[in-house]
Amino acid sequence: MSLNAERYLNHPTFGMLYLVSPASNGRDVYATLYAQKIFFLVTLQPRGATFEVIPYMDARHYAEMHLSKCRREKYSDIDVWQKLFNQTFI
């Protein structure tokens, strides 16, 4: 997955979420933008989105897996993903 622009979603309770990392099976990891860091596994569907709360370490694991894939496949936007990972988890 290439990151051409920042991606945001609006959660009905927690407000703005930002994309942290692609996950698997058409799902992505998002985090709350303004509140405490709460992470969601999000599945986008034609009629909306489903939000599943996941633990911090699961979100970090998905992000680490995506960074590894970026390195292996030499994604051109690896620096963007690395910066996003650092801002979110370090």
PDB file of N, CA and C in Angstrom:
ATOM      1  N   MET A   1       0.852  -1.187   0.000  1.00  0.00           N
ATOM      2  CA  MET A   1       0.000   0.000   0.000  1.00  0.00           C
ATOM      3  C   MET A   1       0.884   1.231   0.000  1.00  0.00           C
ATOM      4  N   SER A   2       0.623   2.120  -0.873  1.00  0.00           N
ATOM      5  CA  SER A   2       1.367   3.368  -0.949  1.00  0.00           C
ATOM      6  C   SER A   2       0.603   4.454  -0.208  1.00  0.00           C
ATOM      7  N   LEU A   3       1.350   5.307   0.453  1.00  0.00           N
ATOM      8  CA  LEU A   3       0.729   6.387   1.227  1.00  0.00           C
ATOM      9  C   LEU A   3       0.970   7.691   0.489  1.00  0.00           C
ATOM     10  N   ASN A   4       0.013   8.089  -0.344  1.00  0.00           N
ATOM     11  CA  ASN A   4       0.138   9.325  -1.100  1.00  0.00           C
ATOM     12  C   ASN A   4      -0.306  10.525  -0.289  1.00  0.00           C
ATOM     13  N   ALA A   5      -1.239  10.319   0.614  1.00  0.00           N
ATOM     14  CA  ALA A   5      -1.744  11.400   1.445  1.00  0.00           C
ATOM     15  C   ALA A   5      -2.204  10.806   2.759  1.00  0.00           C
ATOM     16  N   GLU A   6      -2.265  11.633   3.775  1.00  0.00           N
ATOM     17  CA  GLU A   6      -2.753  11.159   5.053  1.00  0.00           C
ATOM     18  C   GLU A   6      -4.207  10.731   4.907  1.00  0.00           C
ATOM     19  N   ARG A   7      -4.580   9.707   5.649  1.00  0.00           N
ATOM     20  CA  ARG A   7      -5.962   9.213   5.592  1.00  0.00           C
ATOM     21  C   ARG A   7      -6.585   9.326   6.965  1.00  0.00           C
ATOM     22  N   TYR A   8      -7.792   9.840   6.992  1.00  0.00           N
ATOM     23  CA  TYR A   8      -8.532  10.016   8.231  1.00  0.00           C
ATOM     24  C   TYR A   8      -9.925   9.411   8.085  1.00  0.00           C
ATOM     25  N   LEU A   9     -10.481   9.009   9.220  1.00  0.00           N
ATOM     26  CA  LEU A   9     -11.863   8.544   9.302  1.00  0.00           C
ATOM     27  C   LEU A   9     -12.509   9.220  10.502  1.00  0.00           C
ATOM     28  N   ASN A  10     -13.807   9.333  10.469  1.00  0.00           N
ATOM     29  CA  ASN A  10     -14.524   9.877  11.609  1.00  0.00           C
ATOM     30  C   ASN A  10     -15.234   8.732  12.338  1.00  0.00           C
ATOM     31  N   HIS A  11     -14.870   8.526  13.591  1.00  0.00           N
ATOM     32  CA  HIS A  11     -15.507   7.508  14.425  1.00  0.00           C
ATOM     33  C   HIS A  11     -16.688   8.157  15.132  1.00  0.00           C
ATOM     34  N   PRO A  12     -17.825   7.480  15.233  1.00  0.00           N
ATOM     35  CA  PRO A  12     -19.017   8.102  15.825  1.00  0.00           C
ATOM     36  C   PRO A  12     -18.850   8.517  17.285  1.00  0.00           C
ATOM     37  N   THR A  13     -17.965   7.881  18.035  1.00  0.00           N
ATOM     38  CA  THR A  13     -17.762   8.216  19.444  1.00  0.00           C
ATOM     39  C   THR A  13     -16.441   8.932  19.695  1.00  0.00           C
ATOM     40  N   PHE A  14     -15.382   8.478  19.073  1.00  0.00           N
ATOM     41  CA  PHE A  14     -14.041   8.972  19.375  1.00  0.00           C
ATOM     42  C   PHE A  14     -13.541  10.064  18.438  1.00  0.00           C
ATOM     43  N   GLY A  15     -14.326  10.449  17.459  1.00  0.00           N
ATOM     44  CA  GLY A  15     -13.941  11.539  16.564  1.00  0.00           C
ATOM     45  C   GLY A  15     -12.944  11.103  15.509  1.00  0.00           C
ATOM     46  N   MET A  16     -12.045  11.998  15.177  1.00  0.00           N
ATOM     47  CA  MET A  16     -11.104  11.761  14.080  1.00  0.00           C
ATOM     48  C   MET A  16     -10.095  10.666  14.423  1.00  0.00           C
ATOM     49  N   LEU A  17      -9.916   9.768  13.460  1.00  0.00           N
ATOM     50  CA  LEU A  17      -8.911   8.722  13.536  1.00  0.00           C
ATOM     51  C   LEU A  17      -7.957   8.908  12.372  1.00  0.00           C
ATOM     52  N   TYR A  18      -6.690   8.550  12.576  1.00  0.00           N
ATOM     53  CA  TYR A  18      -5.737   8.628  11.467  1.00  0.00           C
ATOM     54  C   TYR A  18      -5.164   7.247  11.173  1.00  0.00           C
ATOM     55  N   LEU A  19      -4.825   7.025   9.908  1.00  0.00           N
ATOM     56  CA  LEU A  19      -4.275   5.746   9.467  1.00  0.00           C
ATOM     57  C   LEU A  19      -2.893   5.550  10.065  1.00  0.00           C
ATOM     58  N   VAL A  20      -2.698   4.411  10.712  1.00  0.00           N
ATOM     59  CA  VAL A  20      -1.402   4.052  11.272  1.00  0.00           C
ATOM     60  C   VAL A  20      -0.684   3.077  10.352  1.00  0.00           C
ATOM     61  N   SER A  21      -1.439   2.093   9.848  1.00  0.00           N
ATOM     62  CA  SER A  21      -0.816   1.054   9.040  1.00  0.00           C
ATOM     63  C   SER A  21      -1.877   0.183   8.382  1.00  0.00           C
ATOM     64  N   PRO A  22      -1.569  -0.364   7.217  1.00  0.00           N
ATOM     65  CA  PRO A  22      -2.422  -1.415   6.683  1.00  0.00           C
ATOM     66  C   PRO A  22      -2.293  -2.636   7.594  1.00  0.00           C
ATOM     67  N   ALA A  23      -3.329  -3.443   7.673  1.00  0.00           N
ATOM     68  CA  ALA A  23      -3.273  -4.676   8.465  1.00  0.00           C
ATOM     69  C   ALA A  23      -3.327  -5.846   7.488  1.00  0.00           C
ATOM     70  N   SER A  24      -4.357  -6.652   7.573  1.00  0.00           N
ATOM     71  CA  SER A  24      -4.499  -7.778   6.655  1.00  0.00           C
ATOM     72  C   SER A  24      -5.966  -7.933   6.288  1.00  0.00           C
ATOM     73  N   ASN A  25      -6.201  -8.654   5.231  1.00  0.00           N
ATOM     74  CA  ASN A  25      -7.570  -8.954   4.785  1.00  0.00           C
ATOM     75  C   ASN A  25      -8.408  -7.699   4.555  1.00  0.00           C
ATOM     76  N   GLY A  26      -7.817  -6.674   3.944  1.00  0.00           N
ATOM     77  CA  GLY A  26      -8.563  -5.459   3.627  1.00  0.00           C
ATOM     78  C   GLY A  26      -8.855  -4.572   4.818  1.00  0.00           C
ATOM     79  N   ARG A  27      -8.148  -4.769   5.919  1.00  0.00           N
ATOM     80  CA  ARG A  27      -8.348  -3.963   7.113  1.00  0.00           C
ATOM     81  C   ARG A  27      -7.143  -3.050   7.321  1.00  0.00           C
ATOM     82  N   ASP A  28      -7.355  -1.966   8.041  1.00  0.00           N
ATOM     83  CA  ASP A  28      -6.293  -1.023   8.357  1.00  0.00           C
ATOM     84  C   ASP A  28      -6.339  -0.697   9.842  1.00  0.00           C
ATOM     85  N   VAL A  29      -5.187  -0.296  10.382  1.00  0.00           N
ATOM     86  CA  VAL A  29      -5.104   0.129  11.771  1.00  0.00           C
ATOM     87  C   VAL A  29      -5.184   1.645  11.809  1.00  0.00           C
ATOM     88  N   TYR A  30      -6.109   2.153  12.618  1.00  0.00           N
ATOM     89  CA  TYR A  30      -6.270   3.590  12.830  1.00  0.00           C
ATOM     90  C   TYR A  30      -6.120   3.880  14.319  1.00  0.00           C
ATOM     91  N   ALA A  31      -5.767   5.115  14.636  1.00  0.00           N
ATOM     92  CA  ALA A  31      -5.646   5.556  16.032  1.00  0.00           C
ATOM     93  C   ALA A  31      -6.402   6.854  16.212  1.00  0.00           C
ATOM     94  N   THR A  32      -6.811   7.097  17.459  1.00  0.00           N
ATOM     95  CA  THR A  32      -7.489   8.355  17.761  1.00  0.00           C
ATOM     96  C   THR A  32      -6.521   9.509  17.556  1.00  0.00           C
ATOM     97  N   LEU A  33      -7.035  10.610  17.096  1.00  0.00           N
ATOM     98  CA  LEU A  33      -6.199  11.767  16.796  1.00  0.00           C
ATOM     99  C   LEU A  33      -6.027  12.664  18.014  1.00  0.00           C
ATOM    100  N   TYR A  34      -7.082  12.893  18.759  1.00  0.00           N
ATOM    101  CA  TYR A  34      -7.042  13.887  19.823  1.00  0.00           C
ATOM    102  C   TYR A  34      -7.051  13.306  21.231  1.00  0.00           C
ATOM    103  N   ALA A  35      -7.688  12.164  21.430  1.00  0.00           N
ATOM    104  CA  ALA A  35      -7.811  11.589  22.776  1.00  0.00           C
ATOM    105  C   ALA A  35      -6.609  10.704  23.076  1.00  0.00           C
ATOM    106  N   GLN A  36      -6.694   9.976  24.182  1.00  0.00           N
ATOM    107  CA  GLN A  36      -5.672   8.986  24.466  1.00  0.00           C
ATOM    108  C   GLN A  36      -5.561   8.061  23.268  1.00  0.00           C
ATOM    109  N   LYS A  37      -4.400   7.468  23.117  1.00  0.00           N
ATOM    110  CA  LYS A  37      -4.209   6.565  21.982  1.00  0.00           C
ATOM    111  C   LYS A  37      -5.087   5.333  22.131  1.00  0.00           C
ATOM    112  N   ILE A  38      -6.110   5.276  21.327  1.00  0.00           N
ATOM    113  CA  ILE A  38      -6.950   4.095  21.227  1.00  0.00           C
ATOM    114  C   ILE A  38      -6.824   3.628  19.785  1.00  0.00           C
ATOM    115  N   PHE A  39      -6.587   2.333  19.615  1.00  0.00           N
ATOM    116  CA  PHE A  39      -6.343   1.793  18.291  1.00  0.00           C
ATOM    117  C   PHE A  39      -7.517   0.940  17.840  1.00  0.00           C
ATOM    118  N   PHE A  40      -7.787   1.022  16.525  1.00  0.00           N
ATOM    119  CA  PHE A  40      -8.904   0.303  15.932  1.00  0.00           C
ATOM    120  C   PHE A  40      -8.430  -0.456  14.705  1.00  0.00           C
ATOM    121  N   LEU A  41      -8.966  -1.653  14.534  1.00  0.00           N
ATOM    122  CA  LEU A  41      -8.832  -2.387  13.297  1.00  0.00           C
ATOM    123  C   LEU A  41     -10.092  -2.046  12.517  1.00  0.00           C
ATOM    124  N   VAL A  42      -9.926  -1.399  11.365  1.00  0.00           N
ATOM    125  CA  VAL A  42     -11.058  -0.865  10.614  1.00  0.00           C
ATOM    126  C   VAL A  42     -11.214  -1.611   9.291  1.00  0.00           C
ATOM    127  N   THR A  43     -12.446  -2.005   9.034  1.00  0.00           N
ATOM    128  CA  THR A  43     -12.782  -2.608   7.748  1.00  0.00           C
ATOM    129  C   THR A  43     -13.744  -1.658   7.045  1.00  0.00           C
ATOM    130  N   LEU A  44     -13.313  -1.140   5.905  1.00  0.00           N
ATOM    131  CA  LEU A  44     -14.178  -0.260   5.118  1.00  0.00           C
ATOM    132  C   LEU A  44     -15.069  -1.111   4.232  1.00  0.00           C
ATOM    133  N   GLN A  45     -16.351  -0.783   4.236  1.00  0.00           N
ATOM    134  CA  GLN A  45     -17.335  -1.507   3.450  1.00  0.00           C
ATOM    135  C   GLN A  45     -18.153  -0.500   2.651  1.00  0.00           C
ATOM    136  N   PRO A  46     -18.822  -0.958   1.598  1.00  0.00           N
ATOM    137  CA  PRO A  46     -19.611  -0.025   0.794  1.00  0.00           C
ATOM    138  C   PRO A  46     -20.656   0.754   1.602  1.00  0.00           C
ATOM    139  N   ARG A  47     -21.159   0.165   2.677  1.00  0.00           N
ATOM    140  CA  ARG A  47     -22.211   0.819   3.456  1.00  0.00           C
ATOM    141  C   ARG A  47     -21.700   1.367   4.783  1.00  0.00           C
ATOM    142  N   GLY A  48     -20.387   1.606   4.898  1.00  0.00           N
ATOM    143  CA  GLY A  48     -19.844   2.143   6.137  1.00  0.00           C
ATOM    144  C   GLY A  48     -18.567   1.441   6.533  1.00  0.00           C
ATOM    145  N   ALA A  49     -18.255   1.516   7.804  1.00  0.00           N
ATOM    146  CA  ALA A  49     -17.030   0.914   8.314  1.00  0.00           C
ATOM    147  C   ALA A  49     -17.322   0.196   9.620  1.00  0.00           C
ATOM    148  N   THR A  50     -16.542  -0.848   9.875  1.00  0.00           N
ATOM    149  CA  THR A  50     -16.615  -1.515  11.169  1.00  0.00           C
ATOM    150  C   THR A  50     -15.345  -1.200  11.935  1.00  0.00           C
ATOM    151  N   PHE A  51     -15.489  -0.960  13.229  1.00  0.00           N
ATOM    152  CA  PHE A  51     -14.388  -0.570  14.093  1.00  0.00           C
ATOM    153  C   PHE A  51     -14.246  -1.607  15.203  1.00  0.00           C
ATOM    154  N   GLU A  52     -13.069  -2.191  15.312  1.00  0.00           N
ATOM    155  CA  GLU A  52     -12.781  -3.143  16.380  1.00  0.00           C
ATOM    156  C   GLU A  52     -11.620  -2.582  17.196  1.00  0.00           C
ATOM    157  N   VAL A  53     -11.830  -2.338  18.476  1.00  0.00           N
ATOM    158  CA  VAL A  53     -10.759  -1.837  19.333  1.00  0.00           C
ATOM    159  C   VAL A  53      -9.716  -2.930  19.495  1.00  0.00           C
ATOM    160  N   ILE A  54      -8.433  -2.549  19.344  1.00  0.00           N
ATOM    161  CA  ILE A  54      -7.350  -3.512  19.521  1.00  0.00           C
ATOM    162  C   ILE A  54      -6.330  -2.932  20.498  1.00  0.00           C
ATOM    163  N   PRO A  55      -5.575  -3.801  21.167  1.00  0.00           N
ATOM    164  CA  PRO A  55      -4.557  -3.330  22.106  1.00  0.00           C
ATOM    165  C   PRO A  55      -3.393  -2.633  21.392  1.00  0.00           C
ATOM    166  N   TYR A  56      -2.715  -1.791  22.140  1.00  0.00           N
ATOM    167  CA  TYR A  56      -1.541  -1.060  21.651  1.00  0.00           C
ATOM    168  C   TYR A  56      -0.535  -2.004  20.993  1.00  0.00           C
ATOM    169  N   MET A  57      -0.209  -3.102  21.660  1.00  0.00           N
ATOM    170  CA  MET A  57       0.817  -4.009  21.130  1.00  0.00           C
ATOM    171  C   MET A  57       0.377  -4.675  19.830  1.00  0.00           C
ATOM    172  N   ASP A  58      -0.905  -4.934  19.655  1.00  0.00           N
ATOM    173  CA  ASP A  58      -1.389  -5.482  18.385  1.00  0.00           C
ATOM    174  C   ASP A  58      -1.236  -4.448  17.273  1.00  0.00           C
ATOM    175  N   ALA A  59      -1.583  -3.206  17.572  1.00  0.00           N
ATOM    176  CA  ALA A  59      -1.443  -2.135  16.583  1.00  0.00           C
ATOM    177  C   ALA A  59       0.019  -1.974  16.190  1.00  0.00           C
ATOM    178  N   ARG A  60       0.887  -1.986  17.190  1.00  0.00           N
ATOM    179  CA  ARG A  60       2.327  -1.862  16.915  1.00  0.00           C
ATOM    180  C   ARG A  60       2.821  -3.038  16.072  1.00  0.00           C
ATOM    181  N   HIS A  61       2.331  -4.232  16.374  1.00  0.00           N
ATOM    182  CA  HIS A  61       2.722  -5.418  15.605  1.00  0.00           C
ATOM    183  C   HIS A  61       2.343  -5.269  14.126  1.00  0.00           C
ATOM    184  N   TYR A  62       1.105  -4.849  13.860  1.00  0.00           N
ATOM    185  CA  TYR A  62       0.688  -4.625  12.468  1.00  0.00           C
ATOM    186  C   TYR A  62       1.593  -3.602  11.777  1.00  0.00           C
ATOM    187  N   ALA A  63       1.912  -2.522  12.487  1.00  0.00           N
ATOM    188  CA  ALA A  63       2.760  -1.476  11.903  1.00  0.00           C
ATOM    189  C   ALA A  63       4.172  -1.996  11.643  1.00  0.00           C
ATOM    190  N   GLU A  64       4.715  -2.782  12.568  1.00  0.00           N
ATOM    191  CA  GLU A  64       6.048  -3.361  12.366  1.00  0.00           C
ATOM    192  C   GLU A  64       6.051  -4.319  11.181  1.00  0.00           C
ATOM    193  N   MET A  65       4.992  -5.105  11.053  1.00  0.00           N
ATOM    194  CA  MET A  65       4.897  -6.027   9.920  1.00  0.00           C
ATOM    195  C   MET A  65       4.854  -5.265   8.599  1.00  0.00           C
ATOM    196  N   HIS A  66       4.108  -4.156   8.587  1.00  0.00           N
ATOM    197  CA  HIS A  66       4.039  -3.358   7.362  1.00  0.00           C
ATOM    198  C   HIS A  66       5.403  -2.734   7.040  1.00  0.00           C
ATOM    199  N   LEU A  67       6.103  -2.240   8.044  1.00  0.00           N
ATOM    200  CA  LEU A  67       7.440  -1.675   7.808  1.00  0.00           C
ATOM    201  C   LEU A  67       8.385  -2.738   7.248  1.00  0.00           C
ATOM    202  N   SER A  68       8.319  -3.938   7.772  1.00  0.00           N
ATOM    203  CA  SER A  68       9.159  -5.028   7.257  1.00  0.00           C
ATOM    204  C   SER A  68       8.860  -5.298   5.788  1.00  0.00           C
ATOM    205  N   LYS A  69       7.568  -5.310   5.462  1.00  0.00           N
ATOM    206  CA  LYS A  69       7.172  -5.520   4.064  1.00  0.00           C
ATOM    207  C   LYS A  69       7.689  -4.382   3.183  1.00  0.00           C
ATOM    208  N   CYS A  70       7.597  -3.160   3.671  1.00  0.00           N
ATOM    209  CA  CYS A  70       8.095  -2.004   2.914  1.00  0.00           C
ATOM    210  C   CYS A  70       9.585  -2.145   2.620  1.00  0.00           C
ATOM    211  N   ARG A  71      10.330  -2.596   3.607  1.00  0.00           N
ATOM    212  CA  ARG A  71      11.782  -2.779   3.430  1.00  0.00           C
ATOM    213  C   ARG A  71      12.077  -3.897   2.437  1.00  0.00           C
ATOM    214  N   ARG A  72      11.385  -5.023   2.598  1.00  0.00           N
ATOM    215  CA  ARG A  72      11.606  -6.176   1.704  1.00  0.00           C
ATOM    216  C   ARG A  72      11.296  -5.835   0.260  1.00  0.00           C
ATOM    217  N   GLU A  73      10.176  -5.145   0.062  1.00  0.00           N
ATOM    218  CA  GLU A  73       9.718  -4.857  -1.292  1.00  0.00           C
ATOM    219  C   GLU A  73      10.183  -3.495  -1.798  1.00  0.00           C
ATOM    220  N   LYS A  74      11.011  -2.838  -0.987  1.00  0.00           N
ATOM    221  CA  LYS A  74      11.617  -1.554  -1.355  1.00  0.00           C
ATOM    222  C   LYS A  74      10.590  -0.512  -1.795  1.00  0.00           C
ATOM    223  N   TYR A  75       9.567  -0.315  -0.949  1.00  0.00           N
ATOM    224  CA  TYR A  75       8.554   0.707  -1.218  1.00  0.00           C
ATOM    225  C   TYR A  75       9.216   2.073  -1.275  1.00  0.00           C
ATOM    226  N   SER A  76       8.786   2.896  -2.188  1.00  0.00           N
ATOM    227  CA  SER A  76       9.357   4.237  -2.324  1.00  0.00           C
ATOM    228  C   SER A  76       8.966   5.152  -1.171  1.00  0.00           C
ATOM    229  N   ASP A  77       7.884   4.838  -0.472  1.00  0.00           N
ATOM    230  CA  ASP A  77       7.421   5.705   0.614  1.00  0.00           C
ATOM    231  C   ASP A  77       7.769   5.156   2.005  1.00  0.00           C
ATOM    232  N   ILE A  78       8.822   4.343   2.079  1.00  0.00           N
ATOM    233  CA  ILE A  78       9.230   3.770   3.364  1.00  0.00           C
ATOM    234  C   ILE A  78       9.511   4.851   4.400  1.00  0.00           C
ATOM    235  N   ASP A  79      10.078   5.971   3.995  1.00  0.00           N
ATOM    236  CA  ASP A  79      10.377   7.045   4.949  1.00  0.00           C
ATOM    237  C   ASP A  79       9.109   7.608   5.586  1.00  0.00           C
ATOM    238  N   VAL A  80       8.047   7.705   4.811  1.00  0.00           N
ATOM    239  CA  VAL A  80       6.765   8.201   5.329  1.00  0.00           C
ATOM    240  C   VAL A  80       6.218   7.233   6.371  1.00  0.00           C
ATOM    241  N   TRP A  81       6.244   5.927   6.052  1.00  0.00           N
ATOM    242  CA  TRP A  81       5.741   4.919   6.985  1.00  0.00           C
ATOM    243  C   TRP A  81       6.593   4.862   8.244  1.00  0.00           C
ATOM    244  N   GLN A  82       7.913   5.000   8.082  1.00  0.00           N
ATOM    245  CA  GLN A  82       8.806   4.972   9.246  1.00  0.00           C
ATOM    246  C   GLN A  82       8.537   6.170  10.158  1.00  0.00           C
ATOM    247  N   LYS A  83       8.355   7.329   9.576  1.00  0.00           N
ATOM    248  CA  LYS A  83       8.061   8.532  10.368  1.00  0.00           C
ATOM    249  C   LYS A  83       6.721   8.382  11.115  1.00  0.00           C
ATOM    250  N   LEU A  84       5.721   7.861  10.431  1.00  0.00           N
ATOM    251  CA  LEU A  84       4.415   7.641  11.051  1.00  0.00           C
ATOM    252  C   LEU A  84       4.535   6.642  12.207  1.00  0.00           C
ATOM    253  N   PHE A  85       5.309   5.575  12.007  1.00  0.00           N
ATOM    254  CA  PHE A  85       5.526   4.595  13.069  1.00  0.00           C
ATOM    255  C   PHE A  85       6.188   5.258  14.278  1.00  0.00           C
ATOM    256  N   ASN A  86       7.232   6.037  14.035  1.00  0.00           N
ATOM    257  CA  ASN A  86       7.944   6.707  15.126  1.00  0.00           C
ATOM    258  C   ASN A  86       7.038   7.671  15.877  1.00  0.00           C
ATOM    259  N   GLN A  87       6.242   8.435  15.164  1.00  0.00           N
ATOM    260  CA  GLN A  87       5.340   9.399  15.809  1.00  0.00           C
ATOM    261  C   GLN A  87       4.269   8.699  16.644  1.00  0.00           C
ATOM    262  N   THR A  88       3.859   7.523  16.214  1.00  0.00           N
ATOM    263  CA  THR A  88       2.784   6.816  16.886  1.00  0.00           C
ATOM    264  C   THR A  88       3.260   5.977  18.051  1.00  0.00           C
ATOM    265  N   PHE A  89       4.390   5.292  17.884  1.00  0.00           N
ATOM    266  CA  PHE A  89       4.780   4.281  18.858  1.00  0.00           C
ATOM    267  C   PHE A  89       6.058   4.588  19.655  1.00  0.00           C
ATOM    268  N   ILE A  90       6.810   5.587  19.259  1.00  0.00           N
ATOM    269  CA  ILE A  90       8.065   5.863  19.982  1.00  0.00           C
ATOM    270  C   ILE A  90       7.983   7.202  20.703  1.00  0.00           C
TER     271      ILE A  90
END
